[in-house]
Amino acid sequence: MSRVCELTGKGPMTGNNVSHANNKTRRRFLPNLNEVTLISDVLGQSFKLRISAAALRSVDHRGGLDAFLAKAKDADLSDTALKIKKAIVKAQAAA
């Protein structure tokens, strides 16, 4: 399982551990990923996604999964999130 957020595409970054003696060794900064269940109001269905804590705050701020996916760029979304987005758009067009 990759360490990438399914909604924002946020992944590991690299940097240095710096000791008191100013020695530098490479390290990785991993995103704070959590497995959460988000509910789509339009579809009336819940989805399990592995997203970062920052993405979860963004979903809440925008007013839910449907509103977040409406504004999200397709390039940032995972395959699962893209399928959900297309299903939401299709359901809204039918209504």
PDB file of N, CA and C in Angstrom:
ATOM      1  N   MET A   1       0.847  -1.182   0.000  1.00  0.00           N
ATOM      2  CA  MET A   1       0.000   0.000   0.000  1.00  0.00           C
ATOM      3  C   MET A   1       0.893   1.246   0.000  1.00  0.00           C
ATOM      4  N   SER A   2       0.676   2.101  -0.967  1.00  0.00           N
ATOM      5  CA  SER A   2       1.530   3.274  -1.077  1.00  0.00           C
ATOM      6  C   SER A   2       1.154   4.320  -0.030  1.00  0.00           C
ATOM      7  N   ARG A   3       2.122   5.150   0.304  1.00  0.00           N
ATOM      8  CA  ARG A   3       1.902   6.190   1.309  1.00  0.00           C
ATOM      9  C   ARG A   3       1.518   7.492   0.626  1.00  0.00           C
ATOM     10  N   VAL A   4       0.385   7.471  -0.071  1.00  0.00           N
ATOM     11  CA  VAL A   4      -0.094   8.636  -0.809  1.00  0.00           C
ATOM     12  C   VAL A   4      -1.559   8.868  -0.460  1.00  0.00           C
ATOM     13  N   CYS A   5      -1.917  10.122  -0.215  1.00  0.00           N
ATOM     14  CA  CYS A   5      -3.297  10.488   0.081  1.00  0.00           C
ATOM     15  C   CYS A   5      -4.141  10.298  -1.170  1.00  0.00           C
ATOM     16  N   GLU A   6      -5.312   9.673  -1.017  1.00  0.00           N
ATOM     17  CA  GLU A   6      -6.170   9.387  -2.163  1.00  0.00           C
ATOM     18  C   GLU A   6      -6.899  10.621  -2.688  1.00  0.00           C
ATOM     19  N   LEU A   7      -7.034  11.660  -1.888  1.00  0.00           N
ATOM     20  CA  LEU A   7      -7.762  12.850  -2.327  1.00  0.00           C
ATOM     21  C   LEU A   7      -6.853  13.989  -2.769  1.00  0.00           C
ATOM     22  N   THR A   8      -5.712  14.155  -2.134  1.00  0.00           N
ATOM     23  CA  THR A   8      -4.851  15.288  -2.471  1.00  0.00           C
ATOM     24  C   THR A   8      -3.578  14.886  -3.206  1.00  0.00           C
ATOM     25  N   GLY A   9      -3.233  13.616  -3.191  1.00  0.00           N
ATOM     26  CA  GLY A   9      -2.007  13.169  -3.838  1.00  0.00           C
ATOM     27  C   GLY A   9      -0.755  13.459  -3.035  1.00  0.00           C
ATOM     28  N   LYS A  10      -0.927  13.896  -1.796  1.00  0.00           N
ATOM     29  CA  LYS A  10       0.221  14.203  -0.935  1.00  0.00           C
ATOM     30  C   LYS A  10       0.972  12.915  -0.624  1.00  0.00           C
ATOM     31  N   GLY A  11       2.296  12.928  -0.824  1.00  0.00           N
ATOM     32  CA  GLY A  11       3.118  11.751  -0.601  1.00  0.00           C
ATOM     33  C   GLY A  11       4.321  12.060   0.257  1.00  0.00           C
ATOM     34  N   PRO A  12       5.252  11.099   0.384  1.00  0.00           N
ATOM     35  CA  PRO A  12       6.438  11.304   1.200  1.00  0.00           C
ATOM     36  C   PRO A  12       7.340  12.390   0.619  1.00  0.00           C
ATOM     37  N   MET A  13       7.977  13.148   1.521  1.00  0.00           N
ATOM     38  CA  MET A  13       8.967  14.142   1.126  1.00  0.00           C
ATOM     39  C   MET A  13      10.289  13.745   1.774  1.00  0.00           C
ATOM     40  N   THR A  14      11.385  14.285   1.264  1.00  0.00           N
ATOM     41  CA  THR A  14      12.685  13.949   1.820  1.00  0.00           C
ATOM     42  C   THR A  14      13.332  15.183   2.421  1.00  0.00           C
ATOM     43  N   GLY A  15      14.246  14.942   3.345  1.00  0.00           N
ATOM     44  CA  GLY A  15      14.962  16.026   3.999  1.00  0.00           C
ATOM     45  C   GLY A  15      16.146  15.459   4.749  1.00  0.00           C
ATOM     46  N   ASN A  16      16.608  16.186   5.731  1.00  0.00           N
ATOM     47  CA  ASN A  16      17.778  15.778   6.501  1.00  0.00           C
ATOM     48  C   ASN A  16      17.463  15.709   7.987  1.00  0.00           C
ATOM     49  N   ASN A  17      18.048  14.706   8.659  1.00  0.00           N
ATOM     50  CA  ASN A  17      18.188  14.737  10.105  1.00  0.00           C
ATOM     51  C   ASN A  17      19.452  15.546  10.376  1.00  0.00           C
ATOM     52  N   VAL A  18      19.378  16.539  11.239  1.00  0.00           N
ATOM     53  CA  VAL A  18      20.549  17.352  11.548  1.00  0.00           C
ATOM     54  C   VAL A  18      20.866  17.170  13.027  1.00  0.00           C
ATOM     55  N   SER A  19      22.059  16.658  13.303  1.00  0.00           N
ATOM     56  CA  SER A  19      22.459  16.403  14.680  1.00  0.00           C
ATOM     57  C   SER A  19      22.964  17.679  15.340  1.00  0.00           C
ATOM     58  N   HIS A  20      23.236  17.572  16.627  1.00  0.00           N
ATOM     59  CA  HIS A  20      23.773  18.709  17.370  1.00  0.00           C
ATOM     60  C   HIS A  20      25.135  19.132  16.809  1.00  0.00           C
ATOM     61  N   ALA A  21      25.880  18.158  16.259  1.00  0.00           N
ATOM     62  CA  ALA A  21      27.180  18.435  15.653  1.00  0.00           C
ATOM     63  C   ALA A  21      27.046  18.849  14.184  1.00  0.00           C
ATOM     64  N   ASN A  22      25.812  19.063  13.741  1.00  0.00           N
ATOM     65  CA  ASN A  22      25.491  19.507  12.375  1.00  0.00           C
ATOM     66  C   ASN A  22      25.796  18.445  11.321  1.00  0.00           C
ATOM     67  N   ASN A  23      25.782  17.157  11.744  1.00  0.00           N
ATOM     68  CA  ASN A  23      25.890  16.068  10.775  1.00  0.00           C
ATOM     69  C   ASN A  23      24.536  15.893  10.109  1.00  0.00           C
ATOM     70  N   LYS A  24      24.531  15.655   8.808  1.00  0.00           N
ATOM     71  CA  LYS A  24      23.274  15.536   8.068  1.00  0.00           C
ATOM     72  C   LYS A  24      23.129  14.137   7.482  1.00  0.00           C
ATOM     73  N   THR A  25      22.003  13.493   7.767  1.00  0.00           N
ATOM     74  CA  THR A  25      21.677  12.200   7.170  1.00  0.00           C
ATOM     75  C   THR A  25      20.287  12.299   6.567  1.00  0.00           C
ATOM     76  N   ARG A  26      20.082  11.608   5.449  1.00  0.00           N
ATOM     77  CA  ARG A  26      18.800  11.704   4.747  1.00  0.00           C
ATOM     78  C   ARG A  26      17.690  11.013   5.534  1.00  0.00           C
ATOM     79  N   ARG A  27      16.485  11.543   5.404  1.00  0.00           N
ATOM     80  CA  ARG A  27      15.310  10.963   6.057  1.00  0.00           C
ATOM     81  C   ARG A  27      14.087  11.220   5.209  1.00  0.00           C
ATOM     82  N   ARG A  28      12.976  10.600   5.559  1.00  0.00           N
ATOM     83  CA  ARG A  28      11.711  10.785   4.845  1.00  0.00           C
ATOM     84  C   ARG A  28      10.679  11.370   5.800  1.00  0.00           C
ATOM     85  N   PHE A  29       9.905  12.315   5.284  1.00  0.00           N
ATOM     86  CA  PHE A  29       8.761  12.869   6.007  1.00  0.00           C
ATOM     87  C   PHE A  29       7.521  12.232   5.418  1.00  0.00           C
ATOM     88  N   LEU A  30       6.845  11.376   6.177  1.00  0.00           N
ATOM     89  CA  LEU A  30       5.670  10.664   5.664  1.00  0.00           C
ATOM     90  C   LEU A  30       4.401  11.441   5.988  1.00  0.00           C
ATOM     91  N   PRO A  31       3.421  11.428   5.081  1.00  0.00           N
ATOM     92  CA  PRO A  31       2.157  12.111   5.367  1.00  0.00           C
ATOM     93  C   PRO A  31       1.383  11.384   6.466  1.00  0.00           C
ATOM     94  N   ASN A  32       0.560  12.128   7.186  1.00  0.00           N
ATOM     95  CA  ASN A  32      -0.233  11.574   8.280  1.00  0.00           C
ATOM     96  C   ASN A  32      -1.504  10.961   7.695  1.00  0.00           C
ATOM     97  N   LEU A  33      -1.411   9.697   7.264  1.00  0.00           N
ATOM     98  CA  LEU A  33      -2.529   9.035   6.595  1.00  0.00           C
ATOM     99  C   LEU A  33      -3.418   8.303   7.594  1.00  0.00           C
ATOM    100  N   ASN A  34      -4.723   8.412   7.376  1.00  0.00           N
ATOM    101  CA  ASN A  34      -5.719   7.727   8.192  1.00  0.00           C
ATOM    102  C   ASN A  34      -6.747   7.089   7.286  1.00  0.00           C
ATOM    103  N   GLU A  35      -7.223   5.919   7.664  1.00  0.00           N
ATOM    104  CA  GLU A  35      -8.291   5.275   6.908  1.00  0.00           C
ATOM    105  C   GLU A  35      -9.620   5.736   7.499  1.00  0.00           C
ATOM    106  N   VAL A  36     -10.401   6.452   6.695  1.00  0.00           N
ATOM    107  CA  VAL A  36     -11.664   7.006   7.168  1.00  0.00           C
ATOM    108  C   VAL A  36     -12.789   6.577   6.239  1.00  0.00           C
ATOM    109  N   THR A  37     -13.994   6.628   6.752  1.00  0.00           N
ATOM    110  CA  THR A  37     -15.185   6.351   5.961  1.00  0.00           C
ATOM    111  C   THR A  37     -15.912   7.665   5.756  1.00  0.00           C
ATOM    112  N   LEU A  38     -16.039   8.066   4.486  1.00  0.00           N
ATOM    113  CA  LEU A  38     -16.723   9.310   4.133  1.00  0.00           C
ATOM    114  C   LEU A  38     -18.026   8.974   3.417  1.00  0.00           C
ATOM    115  N   ILE A  39     -19.061   9.768   3.689  1.00  0.00           N
ATOM    116  CA  ILE A  39     -20.387   9.515   3.128  1.00  0.00           C
ATOM    117  C   ILE A  39     -20.687  10.538   2.048  1.00  0.00           C
ATOM    118  N   SER A  40     -21.141  10.047   0.899  1.00  0.00           N
ATOM    119  CA  SER A  40     -21.578  10.908  -0.186  1.00  0.00           C
ATOM    120  C   SER A  40     -23.066  11.181  -0.017  1.00  0.00           C
ATOM    121  N   ASP A  41     -23.437  12.473   0.041  1.00  0.00           N
ATOM    122  CA  ASP A  41     -24.845  12.837   0.200  1.00  0.00           C
ATOM    123  C   ASP A  41     -25.634  12.538  -1.066  1.00  0.00           C
ATOM    124  N   VAL A  42     -25.036  12.764  -2.221  1.00  0.00           N
ATOM    125  CA  VAL A  42     -25.727  12.568  -3.489  1.00  0.00           C
ATOM    126  C   VAL A  42     -25.988  11.087  -3.749  1.00  0.00           C
ATOM    127  N   LEU A  43     -24.972  10.254  -3.513  1.00  0.00           N
ATOM    128  CA  LEU A  43     -25.105   8.826  -3.777  1.00  0.00           C
ATOM    129  C   LEU A  43     -25.746   8.074  -2.616  1.00  0.00           C
ATOM    130  N   GLY A  44     -25.717   8.660  -1.419  1.00  0.00           N
ATOM    131  CA  GLY A  44     -26.265   7.983  -0.243  1.00  0.00           C
ATOM    132  C   GLY A  44     -25.474   6.736   0.113  1.00  0.00           C
ATOM    133  N   GLN A  45     -24.168   6.792  -0.076  1.00  0.00           N
ATOM    134  CA  GLN A  45     -23.311   5.638   0.103  1.00  0.00           C
ATOM    135  C   GLN A  45     -22.048   6.072   0.840  1.00  0.00           C
ATOM    136  N   SER A  46     -21.426   5.141   1.573  1.00  0.00           N
ATOM    137  CA  SER A  46     -20.193   5.464   2.273  1.00  0.00           C
ATOM    138  C   SER A  46     -19.011   4.820   1.551  1.00  0.00           C
ATOM    139  N   PHE A  47     -17.853   5.485   1.646  1.00  0.00           N
ATOM    140  CA  PHE A  47     -16.640   5.026   0.977  1.00  0.00           C
ATOM    141  C   PHE A  47     -15.480   5.047   1.957  1.00  0.00           C
ATOM    142  N   LYS A  48     -14.656   3.984   1.945  1.00  0.00           N
ATOM    143  CA  LYS A  48     -13.463   3.918   2.779  1.00  0.00           C
ATOM    144  C   LYS A  48     -12.300   4.451   1.966  1.00  0.00           C
ATOM    145  N   LEU A  49     -11.642   5.490   2.483  1.00  0.00           N
ATOM    146  CA  LEU A  49     -10.515   6.100   1.795  1.00  0.00           C
ATOM    147  C   LEU A  49      -9.347   6.262   2.749  1.00  0.00           C
ATOM    148  N   ARG A  50      -8.140   6.234   2.214  1.00  0.00           N
ATOM    149  CA  ARG A  50      -6.922   6.459   3.003  1.00  0.00           C
ATOM    150  C   ARG A  50      -6.436   7.863   2.674  1.00  0.00           C
ATOM    151  N   ILE A  51      -6.745   8.801   3.558  1.00  0.00           N
ATOM    152  CA  ILE A  51      -6.446  10.208   3.277  1.00  0.00           C
ATOM    153  C   ILE A  51      -5.632  10.820   4.415  1.00  0.00           C
ATOM    154  N   SER A  52      -4.993  11.942   4.106  1.00  0.00           N
ATOM    155  CA  SER A  52      -4.201  12.641   5.111  1.00  0.00           C
ATOM    156  C   SER A  52      -5.117  13.415   6.057  1.00  0.00           C
ATOM    157  N   ALA A  53      -4.587  13.748   7.210  1.00  0.00           N
ATOM    158  CA  ALA A  53      -5.353  14.519   8.191  1.00  0.00           C
ATOM    159  C   ALA A  53      -5.701  15.893   7.626  1.00  0.00           C
ATOM    160  N   ALA A  54      -4.791  16.483   6.846  1.00  0.00           N
ATOM    161  CA  ALA A  54      -5.054  17.789   6.229  1.00  0.00           C
ATOM    162  C   ALA A  54      -6.186  17.685   5.212  1.00  0.00           C
ATOM    163  N   ALA A  55      -6.245  16.588   4.462  1.00  0.00           N
ATOM    164  CA  ALA A  55      -7.320  16.395   3.485  1.00  0.00           C
ATOM    165  C   ALA A  55      -8.661  16.223   4.193  1.00  0.00           C
ATOM    166  N   LEU A  56      -8.669  15.545   5.326  1.00  0.00           N
ATOM    167  CA  LEU A  56      -9.902  15.370   6.091  1.00  0.00           C
ATOM    168  C   LEU A  56     -10.444  16.715   6.562  1.00  0.00           C
ATOM    169  N   ARG A  57      -9.544  17.597   6.994  1.00  0.00           N
ATOM    170  CA  ARG A  57      -9.955  18.947   7.399  1.00  0.00           C
ATOM    171  C   ARG A  57     -10.499  19.717   6.205  1.00  0.00           C
ATOM    172  N   SER A  58      -9.882  19.537   5.038  1.00  0.00           N
ATOM    173  CA  SER A  58     -10.346  20.220   3.825  1.00  0.00           C
ATOM    174  C   SER A  58     -11.727  19.732   3.411  1.00  0.00           C
ATOM    175  N   VAL A  59     -11.969  18.433   3.539  1.00  0.00           N
ATOM    176  CA  VAL A  59     -13.289  17.873   3.214  1.00  0.00           C
ATOM    177  C   VAL A  59     -14.339  18.486   4.130  1.00  0.00           C
ATOM    178  N   ASP A  60     -14.053  18.566   5.418  1.00  0.00           N
ATOM    179  CA  ASP A  60     -14.988  19.170   6.367  1.00  0.00           C
ATOM    180  C   ASP A  60     -15.214  20.645   6.059  1.00  0.00           C
ATOM    181  N   HIS A  61     -14.137  21.349   5.708  1.00  0.00           N
ATOM    182  CA  HIS A  61     -14.226  22.785   5.442  1.00  0.00           C
ATOM    183  C   HIS A  61     -15.080  23.081   4.205  1.00  0.00           C
ATOM    184  N   ARG A  62     -14.950  22.244   3.189  1.00  0.00           N
ATOM    185  CA  ARG A  62     -15.698  22.467   1.939  1.00  0.00           C
ATOM    186  C   ARG A  62     -17.130  21.978   2.009  1.00  0.00           C
ATOM    187  N   GLY A  63     -17.478  21.253   3.050  1.00  0.00           N
ATOM    188  CA  GLY A  63     -18.863  20.844   3.223  1.00  0.00           C
ATOM    189  C   GLY A  63     -19.158  19.425   2.815  1.00  0.00           C
ATOM    190  N   GLY A  64     -18.195  18.554   2.868  1.00  0.00           N
ATOM    191  CA  GLY A  64     -18.438  17.149   2.600  1.00  0.00           C
ATOM    192  C   GLY A  64     -17.674  16.628   1.398  1.00  0.00           C
ATOM    193  N   LEU A  65     -17.786  15.323   1.200  1.00  0.00           N
ATOM    194  CA  LEU A  65     -17.051  14.644   0.133  1.00  0.00           C
ATOM    195  C   LEU A  65     -17.473  15.130  -1.245  1.00  0.00           C
ATOM    196  N   ASP A  66     -18.766  15.329  -1.448  1.00  0.00           N
ATOM    197  CA  ASP A  66     -19.269  15.746  -2.764  1.00  0.00           C
ATOM    198  C   ASP A  66     -18.707  17.104  -3.171  1.00  0.00           C
ATOM    199  N   ALA A  67     -18.728  18.054  -2.267  1.00  0.00           N
ATOM    200  CA  ALA A  67     -18.223  19.399  -2.566  1.00  0.00           C
ATOM    201  C   ALA A  67     -16.714  19.375  -2.772  1.00  0.00           C
ATOM    202  N   PHE A  68     -16.011  18.561  -1.994  1.00  0.00           N
ATOM    203  CA  PHE A  68     -14.556  18.487  -2.157  1.00  0.00           C
ATOM    204  C   PHE A  68     -14.197  17.932  -3.526  1.00  0.00           C
ATOM    205  N   LEU A  69     -14.836  16.830  -3.918  1.00  0.00           N
ATOM    206  CA  LEU A  69     -14.514  16.204  -5.196  1.00  0.00           C
ATOM    207  C   LEU A  69     -14.908  17.080  -6.379  1.00  0.00           C
ATOM    208  N   ALA A  70     -15.947  17.899  -6.214  1.00  0.00           N
ATOM    209  CA  ALA A  70     -16.365  18.789  -7.305  1.00  0.00           C
ATOM    210  C   ALA A  70     -15.269  19.785  -7.647  1.00  0.00           C
ATOM    211  N   LYS A  71     -14.520  20.253  -6.636  1.00  0.00           N
ATOM    212  CA  LYS A  71     -13.468  21.238  -6.858  1.00  0.00           C
ATOM    213  C   LYS A  71     -12.095  20.614  -7.080  1.00  0.00           C
ATOM    214  N   ALA A  72     -11.930  19.331  -6.776  1.00  0.00           N
ATOM    215  CA  ALA A  72     -10.619  18.684  -6.842  1.00  0.00           C
ATOM    216  C   ALA A  72     -10.180  18.466  -8.286  1.00  0.00           C
ATOM    217  N   LYS A  73      -8.865  18.556  -8.505  1.00  0.00           N
ATOM    218  CA  LYS A  73      -8.288  18.287  -9.819  1.00  0.00           C
ATOM    219  C   LYS A  73      -8.196  16.779 -10.018  1.00  0.00           C
ATOM    220  N   ASP A  74      -8.508  16.327 -11.227  1.00  0.00           N
ATOM    221  CA  ASP A  74      -8.477  14.898 -11.515  1.00  0.00           C
ATOM    222  C   ASP A  74      -7.072  14.314 -11.386  1.00  0.00           C
ATOM    223  N   ALA A  75      -6.046  15.110 -11.640  1.00  0.00           N
ATOM    224  CA  ALA A  75      -4.672  14.615 -11.578  1.00  0.00           C
ATOM    225  C   ALA A  75      -4.264  14.247 -10.152  1.00  0.00           C
ATOM    226  N   ASP A  76      -4.834  14.924  -9.153  1.00  0.00           N
ATOM    227  CA  ASP A  76      -4.482  14.661  -7.758  1.00  0.00           C
ATOM    228  C   ASP A  76      -5.197  13.436  -7.200  1.00  0.00           C
ATOM    229  N   LEU A  77      -6.342  13.068  -7.752  1.00  0.00           N
ATOM    230  CA  LEU A  77      -7.174  12.016  -7.191  1.00  0.00           C
ATOM    231  C   LEU A  77      -6.673  10.628  -7.577  1.00  0.00           C
ATOM    232  N   SER A  78      -6.909   9.663  -6.686  1.00  0.00           N
ATOM    233  CA  SER A  78      -6.586   8.268  -6.985  1.00  0.00           C
ATOM    234  C   SER A  78      -7.667   7.694  -7.896  1.00  0.00           C
ATOM    235  N   ASP A  79      -7.452   6.481  -8.366  1.00  0.00           N
ATOM    236  CA  ASP A  79      -8.436   5.834  -9.243  1.00  0.00           C
ATOM    237  C   ASP A  79      -9.781   5.658  -8.535  1.00  0.00           C
ATOM    238  N   THR A  80      -9.732   5.283  -7.267  1.00  0.00           N
ATOM    239  CA  THR A  80     -10.961   5.096  -6.483  1.00  0.00           C
ATOM    240  C   THR A  80     -11.724   6.410  -6.351  1.00  0.00           C
ATOM    241  N   ALA A  81     -11.004   7.481  -6.027  1.00  0.00           N
ATOM    242  CA  ALA A  81     -11.639   8.786  -5.859  1.00  0.00           C
ATOM    243  C   ALA A  81     -12.196   9.299  -7.188  1.00  0.00           C
ATOM    244  N   LEU A  82     -11.504   9.019  -8.295  1.00  0.00           N
ATOM    245  CA  LEU A  82     -12.009   9.432  -9.612  1.00  0.00           C
ATOM    246  C   LEU A  82     -13.323   8.738  -9.950  1.00  0.00           C
ATOM    247  N   LYS A  83     -13.420   7.441  -9.627  1.00  0.00           N
ATOM    248  CA  LYS A  83     -14.669   6.700  -9.867  1.00  0.00           C
ATOM    249  C   LYS A  83     -15.816   7.293  -9.053  1.00  0.00           C
ATOM    250  N   ILE A  84     -15.523   7.651  -7.798  1.00  0.00           N
ATOM    251  CA  ILE A  84     -16.545   8.258  -6.940  1.00  0.00           C
ATOM    252  C   ILE A  84     -16.979   9.601  -7.522  1.00  0.00           C
ATOM    253  N   LYS A  85     -16.014  10.406  -7.963  1.00  0.00           N
ATOM    254  CA  LYS A  85     -16.315  11.726  -8.526  1.00  0.00           C
ATOM    255  C   LYS A  85     -17.197  11.599  -9.765  1.00  0.00           C
ATOM    256  N   LYS A  86     -16.873  10.647 -10.646  1.00  0.00           N
ATOM    257  CA  LYS A  86     -17.663  10.470 -11.865  1.00  0.00           C
ATOM    258  C   LYS A  86     -19.071   9.989 -11.552  1.00  0.00           C
ATOM    259  N   ALA A  87     -19.204   9.132 -10.543  1.00  0.00           N
ATOM    260  CA  ALA A  87     -20.532   8.658 -10.139  1.00  0.00           C
ATOM    261  C   ALA A  87     -21.370   9.786  -9.569  1.00  0.00           C
ATOM    262  N   ILE A  88     -20.725  10.691  -8.819  1.00  0.00           N
ATOM    263  CA  ILE A  88     -21.432  11.849  -8.244  1.00  0.00           C
ATOM    264  C   ILE A  88     -21.899  12.791  -9.341  1.00  0.00           C
ATOM    265  N   VAL A  89     -21.022  13.056 -10.318  1.00  0.00           N
ATOM    266  CA  VAL A  89     -21.385  13.946 -11.427  1.00  0.00           C
ATOM    267  C   VAL A  89     -22.537  13.352 -12.226  1.00  0.00           C
ATOM    268  N   LYS A  90     -22.488  12.045 -12.459  1.00  0.00           N
ATOM    269  CA  LYS A  90     -23.544  11.351 -13.203  1.00  0.00           C
ATOM    270  C   LYS A  90     -24.878  11.406 -12.455  1.00  0.00           C
ATOM    271  N   ALA A  91     -24.822  11.206 -11.133  1.00  0.00           N
ATOM    272  CA  ALA A  91     -26.048  11.241 -10.323  1.00  0.00           C
ATOM    273  C   ALA A  91     -26.646  12.634 -10.267  1.00  0.00           C
ATOM    274  N   GLN A  92     -25.779  13.672 -10.225  1.00  0.00           N
ATOM    275  CA  GLN A  92     -26.278  15.044 -10.195  1.00  0.00           C
ATOM    276  C   GLN A  92     -26.883  15.436 -11.537  1.00  0.00           C
ATOM    277  N   ALA A  93     -26.334  14.922 -12.638  1.00  0.00           N
ATOM    278  CA  ALA A  93     -26.873  15.218 -13.962  1.00  0.00           C
ATOM    279  C   ALA A  93     -28.234  14.557 -14.161  1.00  0.00           C
ATOM    280  N   ALA A  94     -28.413  13.374 -13.585  1.00  0.00           N
ATOM    281  CA  ALA A  94     -29.674  12.670 -13.713  1.00  0.00           C
ATOM    282  C   ALA A  94     -30.770  13.309 -12.866  1.00  0.00           C
ATOM    283  N   ALA A  95     -30.384  13.951 -11.778  1.00  0.00           N
ATOM    284  CA  ALA A  95     -31.391  14.533 -10.862  1.00  0.00           C
ATOM    285  C   ALA A  95     -31.902  15.870 -11.344  1.00  0.00           C
TER     286      ALA A  95
END
